[in-house]
Amino acid sequence: MATKLWKKGDPSPNPNGRPRSLFSFKRELEMKASEVDPRDRLGRTYGKQVIDRAFDLALRGPKSSRQVNAIREILDRVLGRPIQAVATLDLHVSREQRLAMIEDLLTTLPKPTEEADGSSDPRVN
């Protein structure tokens, strides 16, 4: 534990608190996003152009992972990221109870689908 350099009740040696950071990535992004692009014929800000491009990719882009990522990014920003459920296991139960719980969890998983050539998923034995 660090020792104090001044006694309790004495004025703080730094009355103004910690100095503000000279650079803030978030602040710089917000400032740049709100700037009007001088080359844009429609007079849009950089931020508006990014949003328009994401929607353009999502709606009219080639069917690719870029399109899916654009749609996911838009939905995550508007609706928030989906909540992910996490299964936990109580380790204070007997081995038999633990195995029964694992079996119950495994039965809720979807069955592996057959691939086009008729073979099953190679990851499942």
N, C-alpha and C. Protein backbone atom coordinates (compact mmCIF):
# COMPACT_ATOMS: atom_id res chain seq x y z
N MET A 1 0.84 -1.17 0.00
CA MET A 1 0.00 0.00 0.00
C MET A 1 0.88 1.23 0.00
N ALA A 2 0.54 2.19 -0.82
CA ALA A 2 1.33 3.41 -0.92
C ALA A 2 1.11 4.27 0.31
N THR A 3 2.16 4.96 0.70
CA THR A 3 2.03 5.86 1.84
C THR A 3 1.60 7.22 1.33
N LYS A 4 0.84 7.94 2.17
CA LYS A 4 0.38 9.27 1.79
C LYS A 4 1.53 10.26 2.00
N LEU A 5 1.62 11.22 1.11
CA LEU A 5 2.65 12.23 1.19
C LEU A 5 2.18 13.45 1.96
N TRP A 6 0.91 13.52 2.29
CA TRP A 6 0.39 14.65 3.07
C TRP A 6 -0.55 14.12 4.14
N LYS A 7 -0.74 14.91 5.15
CA LYS A 7 -1.55 14.50 6.29
C LYS A 7 -3.02 14.75 6.01
N LYS A 8 -3.86 13.94 6.63
CA LYS A 8 -5.30 14.09 6.50
C LYS A 8 -5.70 15.48 7.01
N GLY A 9 -6.54 16.14 6.22
CA GLY A 9 -6.98 17.48 6.59
C GLY A 9 -6.18 18.58 5.92
N ASP A 10 -4.97 18.28 5.49
CA ASP A 10 -4.17 19.27 4.76
C ASP A 10 -4.73 19.44 3.36
N PRO A 11 -4.54 20.61 2.76
CA PRO A 11 -5.02 20.79 1.39
C PRO A 11 -4.33 19.83 0.43
N SER A 12 -5.06 19.43 -0.59
CA SER A 12 -4.51 18.51 -1.58
C SER A 12 -3.38 19.18 -2.35
N PRO A 13 -2.33 18.41 -2.64
CA PRO A 13 -1.25 18.99 -3.45
C PRO A 13 -1.65 19.17 -4.92
N ASN A 14 -2.81 18.61 -5.31
CA ASN A 14 -3.28 18.74 -6.69
C ASN A 14 -4.74 19.17 -6.66
N PRO A 15 -5.02 20.44 -6.35
CA PRO A 15 -6.40 20.88 -6.16
C PRO A 15 -7.24 20.82 -7.43
N ASN A 16 -6.64 20.84 -8.58
CA ASN A 16 -7.41 20.79 -9.84
C ASN A 16 -7.68 19.36 -10.31
N GLY A 17 -7.18 18.38 -9.58
CA GLY A 17 -7.40 16.99 -9.97
C GLY A 17 -6.48 16.57 -11.10
N ARG A 18 -6.73 15.40 -11.61
CA ARG A 18 -5.91 14.86 -12.69
C ARG A 18 -6.13 15.70 -13.95
N PRO A 19 -5.05 16.06 -14.64
CA PRO A 19 -5.23 16.85 -15.87
C PRO A 19 -5.92 16.03 -16.95
N ARG A 20 -6.73 16.69 -17.75
CA ARG A 20 -7.42 16.01 -18.85
C ARG A 20 -6.41 15.51 -19.87
N SER A 21 -6.74 14.39 -20.45
CA SER A 21 -5.88 13.83 -21.49
C SER A 21 -5.86 14.77 -22.68
N LEU A 22 -4.73 14.88 -23.31
CA LEU A 22 -4.62 15.76 -24.46
C LEU A 22 -5.29 15.15 -25.69
N PHE A 23 -5.38 13.83 -25.73
CA PHE A 23 -5.97 13.17 -26.89
C PHE A 23 -7.03 12.19 -26.45
N SER A 24 -8.19 12.28 -27.07
CA SER A 24 -9.28 11.33 -26.81
C SER A 24 -9.72 10.77 -28.16
N PHE A 25 -9.54 9.47 -28.33
CA PHE A 25 -9.90 8.83 -29.59
C PHE A 25 -11.39 9.01 -29.87
N LYS A 26 -12.22 8.82 -28.84
CA LYS A 26 -13.66 8.96 -29.01
C LYS A 26 -14.02 10.39 -29.41
N ARG A 27 -13.43 11.36 -28.72
CA ARG A 27 -13.73 12.76 -29.03
C ARG A 27 -13.31 13.10 -30.47
N GLU A 28 -12.15 12.60 -30.89
CA GLU A 28 -11.67 12.87 -32.26
C GLU A 28 -12.60 12.23 -33.29
N LEU A 29 -13.07 11.01 -33.02
CA LEU A 29 -14.00 10.36 -33.94
C LEU A 29 -15.30 11.14 -34.05
N GLU A 30 -15.82 11.59 -32.90
CA GLU A 30 -17.05 12.37 -32.91
C GLU A 30 -16.88 13.67 -33.69
N MET A 31 -15.74 14.33 -33.50
CA MET A 31 -15.50 15.59 -34.21
C MET A 31 -15.40 15.35 -35.72
N LYS A 32 -14.66 14.30 -36.12
CA LYS A 32 -14.49 14.01 -37.54
C LYS A 32 -15.82 13.59 -38.16
N ALA A 33 -16.60 12.80 -37.45
CA ALA A 33 -17.89 12.35 -37.97
C ALA A 33 -18.85 13.50 -38.19
N SER A 34 -18.71 14.57 -37.40
CA SER A 34 -19.62 15.71 -37.55
C SER A 34 -19.14 16.74 -38.58
N GLU A 35 -17.93 16.56 -39.11
CA GLU A 35 -17.42 17.47 -40.14
C GLU A 35 -18.10 17.20 -41.47
N VAL A 36 -18.39 18.25 -42.21
CA VAL A 36 -18.94 18.12 -43.55
C VAL A 36 -17.80 17.82 -44.50
N ASP A 37 -17.98 16.82 -45.34
CA ASP A 37 -16.98 16.45 -46.33
C ASP A 37 -17.05 17.45 -47.48
N PRO A 38 -16.00 18.22 -47.71
CA PRO A 38 -16.05 19.23 -48.78
C PRO A 38 -16.17 18.62 -50.17
N ARG A 39 -15.83 17.36 -50.33
CA ARG A 39 -15.91 16.71 -51.65
C ARG A 39 -17.26 16.06 -51.90
N ASP A 40 -18.11 15.97 -50.88
CA ASP A 40 -19.40 15.31 -51.05
C ASP A 40 -20.38 16.25 -51.75
N ARG A 41 -20.95 15.80 -52.87
CA ARG A 41 -21.89 16.63 -53.64
C ARG A 41 -23.17 16.91 -52.88
N LEU A 42 -23.53 16.02 -51.94
CA LEU A 42 -24.76 16.20 -51.20
C LEU A 42 -24.56 17.00 -49.90
N GLY A 43 -23.32 17.36 -49.61
CA GLY A 43 -23.04 18.13 -48.41
C GLY A 43 -23.19 17.36 -47.12
N ARG A 44 -22.96 16.04 -47.18
CA ARG A 44 -23.12 15.21 -45.99
C ARG A 44 -21.86 15.25 -45.11
N THR A 45 -22.08 14.94 -43.83
CA THR A 45 -20.94 14.80 -42.93
C THR A 45 -20.28 13.45 -43.19
N TYR A 46 -19.06 13.30 -42.65
CA TYR A 46 -18.38 12.01 -42.79
C TYR A 46 -19.19 10.91 -42.08
N GLY A 47 -19.74 11.22 -40.93
CA GLY A 47 -20.54 10.24 -40.20
C GLY A 47 -21.76 9.80 -40.98
N LYS A 48 -22.45 10.74 -41.61
CA LYS A 48 -23.64 10.40 -42.42
C LYS A 48 -23.24 9.53 -43.60
N GLN A 49 -22.08 9.80 -44.20
CA GLN A 49 -21.62 8.98 -45.32
C GLN A 49 -21.32 7.55 -44.88
N VAL A 50 -20.74 7.40 -43.70
CA VAL A 50 -20.44 6.06 -43.19
C VAL A 50 -21.74 5.29 -42.96
N ILE A 51 -22.73 5.97 -42.36
CA ILE A 51 -24.02 5.31 -42.12
C ILE A 51 -24.69 4.95 -43.44
N ASP A 52 -24.67 5.88 -44.40
CA ASP A 52 -25.27 5.60 -45.71
C ASP A 52 -24.58 4.42 -46.39
N ARG A 53 -23.26 4.34 -46.26
CA ARG A 53 -22.51 3.25 -46.89
C ARG A 53 -22.86 1.91 -46.23
N ALA A 54 -23.00 1.91 -44.91
CA ALA A 54 -23.36 0.68 -44.21
C ALA A 54 -24.74 0.20 -44.66
N PHE A 55 -25.69 1.12 -44.78
CA PHE A 55 -27.03 0.74 -45.24
C PHE A 55 -26.99 0.30 -46.70
N ASP A 56 -26.19 0.97 -47.51
CA ASP A 56 -26.07 0.58 -48.91
C ASP A 56 -25.51 -0.84 -49.03
N LEU A 57 -24.48 -1.13 -48.24
CA LEU A 57 -23.93 -2.49 -48.25
C LEU A 57 -24.95 -3.51 -47.77
N ALA A 58 -25.69 -3.14 -46.71
CA ALA A 58 -26.67 -4.07 -46.15
C ALA A 58 -27.80 -4.35 -47.12
N LEU A 59 -28.24 -3.33 -47.86
CA LEU A 59 -29.41 -3.48 -48.72
C LEU A 59 -29.07 -3.90 -50.15
N ARG A 60 -28.00 -3.35 -50.71
CA ARG A 60 -27.74 -3.57 -52.13
C ARG A 60 -26.38 -4.15 -52.43
N GLY A 61 -25.62 -4.44 -51.40
CA GLY A 61 -24.27 -4.96 -51.62
C GLY A 61 -24.29 -6.39 -52.11
N PRO A 62 -23.13 -6.85 -52.53
CA PRO A 62 -23.04 -8.26 -52.95
C PRO A 62 -23.31 -9.17 -51.77
N LYS A 63 -23.91 -10.30 -52.03
CA LYS A 63 -24.21 -11.25 -50.98
C LYS A 63 -22.88 -11.82 -50.47
N SER A 64 -22.41 -11.25 -49.38
CA SER A 64 -21.10 -11.64 -48.86
C SER A 64 -21.07 -11.41 -47.37
N SER A 65 -19.94 -11.77 -46.78
CA SER A 65 -19.78 -11.54 -45.35
C SER A 65 -19.75 -10.05 -45.04
N ARG A 66 -19.31 -9.22 -45.99
CA ARG A 66 -19.32 -7.77 -45.77
C ARG A 66 -20.75 -7.27 -45.61
N GLN A 67 -21.64 -7.81 -46.39
CA GLN A 67 -23.04 -7.40 -46.29
C GLN A 67 -23.62 -7.83 -44.94
N VAL A 68 -23.34 -9.06 -44.55
CA VAL A 68 -23.84 -9.56 -43.28
C VAL A 68 -23.27 -8.73 -42.12
N ASN A 69 -21.98 -8.40 -42.20
CA ASN A 69 -21.36 -7.59 -41.15
C ASN A 69 -21.98 -6.20 -41.09
N ALA A 70 -22.30 -5.62 -42.23
CA ALA A 70 -22.94 -4.30 -42.26
C ALA A 70 -24.32 -4.36 -41.60
N ILE A 71 -25.09 -5.37 -41.94
CA ILE A 71 -26.42 -5.53 -41.34
C ILE A 71 -26.29 -5.74 -39.83
N ARG A 72 -25.36 -6.60 -39.42
CA ARG A 72 -25.17 -6.88 -37.99
C ARG A 72 -24.76 -5.61 -37.25
N GLU A 73 -23.87 -4.83 -37.83
CA GLU A 73 -23.41 -3.61 -37.18
C GLU A 73 -24.55 -2.62 -36.99
N ILE A 74 -25.37 -2.47 -38.02
CA ILE A 74 -26.51 -1.55 -37.92
C ILE A 74 -27.47 -2.02 -36.84
N LEU A 75 -27.82 -3.29 -36.85
CA LEU A 75 -28.75 -3.81 -35.86
C LEU A 75 -28.18 -3.73 -34.44
N ASP A 76 -26.88 -4.01 -34.29
CA ASP A 76 -26.27 -3.92 -32.97
C ASP A 76 -26.31 -2.50 -32.45
N ARG A 77 -26.11 -1.52 -33.33
CA ARG A 77 -26.12 -0.12 -32.90
C ARG A 77 -27.53 0.36 -32.57
N VAL A 78 -28.51 -0.11 -33.31
CA VAL A 78 -29.88 0.35 -33.10
C VAL A 78 -30.55 -0.42 -31.97
N LEU A 79 -30.44 -1.75 -31.99
CA LEU A 79 -31.14 -2.59 -31.02
C LEU A 79 -30.30 -2.99 -29.83
N GLY A 80 -28.99 -2.83 -29.95
CA GLY A 80 -28.09 -3.33 -28.92
C GLY A 80 -27.69 -4.76 -29.26
N ARG A 81 -26.57 -5.16 -28.74
CA ARG A 81 -26.10 -6.52 -29.03
C ARG A 81 -27.01 -7.54 -28.36
N PRO A 82 -27.20 -8.69 -29.00
CA PRO A 82 -28.05 -9.72 -28.39
C PRO A 82 -27.46 -10.23 -27.08
N ILE A 83 -28.34 -10.55 -26.16
CA ILE A 83 -27.90 -11.12 -24.89
C ILE A 83 -27.54 -12.57 -25.13
N GLN A 84 -26.40 -12.98 -24.62
CA GLN A 84 -25.97 -14.36 -24.79
C GLN A 84 -26.20 -15.11 -23.49
N ALA A 85 -26.90 -16.21 -23.60
CA ALA A 85 -27.16 -17.04 -22.43
C ALA A 85 -25.92 -17.86 -22.12
N VAL A 86 -25.66 -18.02 -20.86
CA VAL A 86 -24.52 -18.82 -20.43
C VAL A 86 -25.03 -19.90 -19.49
N ALA A 87 -24.71 -21.14 -19.82
CA ALA A 87 -25.11 -22.25 -18.96
C ALA A 87 -24.05 -22.43 -17.89
N THR A 88 -24.49 -22.48 -16.66
CA THR A 88 -23.54 -22.69 -15.56
C THR A 88 -23.87 -24.02 -14.91
N LEU A 89 -22.91 -24.54 -14.25
CA LEU A 89 -23.06 -25.85 -13.63
C LEU A 89 -22.67 -25.74 -12.17
N ASP A 90 -23.53 -26.17 -11.29
CA ASP A 90 -23.24 -26.14 -9.87
C ASP A 90 -22.29 -27.30 -9.56
N LEU A 91 -21.09 -26.98 -9.12
CA LEU A 91 -20.09 -28.01 -8.86
C LEU A 91 -20.24 -28.66 -7.50
N HIS A 92 -21.23 -28.20 -6.72
CA HIS A 92 -21.44 -28.75 -5.39
C HIS A 92 -22.48 -29.87 -5.40
N VAL A 93 -22.79 -30.39 -6.55
CA VAL A 93 -23.73 -31.51 -6.63
C VAL A 93 -22.94 -32.78 -6.87
N SER A 94 -23.61 -33.90 -6.72
CA SER A 94 -22.91 -35.17 -6.90
C SER A 94 -22.53 -35.37 -8.37
N ARG A 95 -21.62 -36.31 -8.58
CA ARG A 95 -21.17 -36.62 -9.95
C ARG A 95 -22.33 -37.06 -10.83
N GLU A 96 -23.22 -37.87 -10.29
CA GLU A 96 -24.36 -38.36 -11.05
C GLU A 96 -25.30 -37.22 -11.45
N GLN A 97 -25.54 -36.30 -10.50
CA GLN A 97 -26.39 -35.14 -10.81
C GLN A 97 -25.74 -34.26 -11.88
N ARG A 98 -24.42 -34.08 -11.77
CA ARG A 98 -23.68 -33.27 -12.73
C ARG A 98 -23.77 -33.89 -14.12
N LEU A 99 -23.59 -35.20 -14.22
CA LEU A 99 -23.68 -35.88 -15.51
C LEU A 99 -25.09 -35.79 -16.08
N ALA A 100 -26.10 -35.88 -15.21
CA ALA A 100 -27.49 -35.76 -15.67
C ALA A 100 -27.75 -34.36 -16.22
N MET A 101 -27.21 -33.34 -15.55
CA MET A 101 -27.38 -31.96 -16.04
C MET A 101 -26.70 -31.77 -17.40
N ILE A 102 -25.50 -32.34 -17.54
CA ILE A 102 -24.78 -32.23 -18.82
C ILE A 102 -25.58 -32.92 -19.91
N GLU A 103 -26.13 -34.09 -19.61
CA GLU A 103 -26.94 -34.82 -20.59
C GLU A 103 -28.17 -34.00 -20.99
N ASP A 104 -28.81 -33.35 -20.01
CA ASP A 104 -29.97 -32.50 -20.32
C ASP A 104 -29.58 -31.35 -21.23
N LEU A 105 -28.43 -30.74 -20.95
CA LEU A 105 -27.96 -29.64 -21.82
C LEU A 105 -27.68 -30.13 -23.23
N LEU A 106 -27.05 -31.29 -23.34
CA LEU A 106 -26.72 -31.81 -24.66
C LEU A 106 -27.96 -32.16 -25.48
N THR A 107 -29.03 -32.55 -24.82
CA THR A 107 -30.24 -32.90 -25.57
C THR A 107 -30.95 -31.66 -26.11
N THR A 108 -30.63 -30.49 -25.56
CA THR A 108 -31.26 -29.26 -26.07
C THR A 108 -30.54 -28.70 -27.29
N LEU A 109 -29.33 -29.18 -27.56
CA LEU A 109 -28.59 -28.69 -28.73
C LEU A 109 -29.21 -29.24 -30.01
N PRO A 110 -29.16 -28.46 -31.09
CA PRO A 110 -29.69 -28.97 -32.36
C PRO A 110 -28.84 -30.12 -32.86
N LYS A 111 -29.48 -31.04 -33.53
CA LYS A 111 -28.78 -32.19 -34.09
C LYS A 111 -27.95 -31.73 -35.28
N PRO A 112 -26.76 -32.32 -35.48
CA PRO A 112 -25.95 -31.94 -36.65
C PRO A 112 -26.69 -32.30 -37.94
N THR A 113 -26.57 -31.43 -38.93
CA THR A 113 -27.25 -31.67 -40.20
C THR A 113 -26.37 -32.50 -41.12
N GLU A 114 -27.01 -33.21 -42.00
CA GLU A 114 -26.28 -33.99 -42.99
C GLU A 114 -25.71 -33.05 -44.04
N GLU A 115 -24.47 -33.27 -44.44
CA GLU A 115 -23.88 -32.45 -45.50
C GLU A 115 -24.41 -32.92 -46.85
N ALA A 116 -24.11 -32.14 -47.87
CA ALA A 116 -24.64 -32.40 -49.21
C ALA A 116 -24.27 -33.80 -49.71
N ASP A 117 -23.08 -34.31 -49.34
CA ASP A 117 -22.67 -35.62 -49.84
C ASP A 117 -23.24 -36.77 -49.00
N GLY A 118 -24.02 -36.42 -47.97
CA GLY A 118 -24.64 -37.46 -47.17
C GLY A 118 -23.86 -37.85 -45.93
N SER A 119 -22.64 -37.37 -45.79
CA SER A 119 -21.87 -37.72 -44.59
C SER A 119 -22.25 -36.79 -43.46
N SER A 120 -22.07 -37.25 -42.25
CA SER A 120 -22.42 -36.42 -41.10
C SER A 120 -21.28 -35.48 -40.77
N ASP A 121 -21.51 -34.58 -39.85
CA ASP A 121 -20.53 -33.59 -39.44
C ASP A 121 -19.29 -34.32 -38.90
N PRO A 122 -18.10 -34.05 -39.43
CA PRO A 122 -16.90 -34.76 -39.00
C PRO A 122 -16.48 -34.41 -37.57
N ARG A 123 -17.01 -33.31 -37.01
CA ARG A 123 -16.64 -32.93 -35.66
C ARG A 123 -17.37 -33.75 -34.61
N VAL A 124 -18.45 -34.42 -35.01
CA VAL A 124 -19.25 -35.18 -34.06
C VAL A 124 -18.95 -36.65 -34.24
N ASN A 125 -18.56 -37.32 -33.16
CA ASN A 125 -18.25 -38.76 -33.23
C ASN A 125 -19.35 -39.57 -32.63
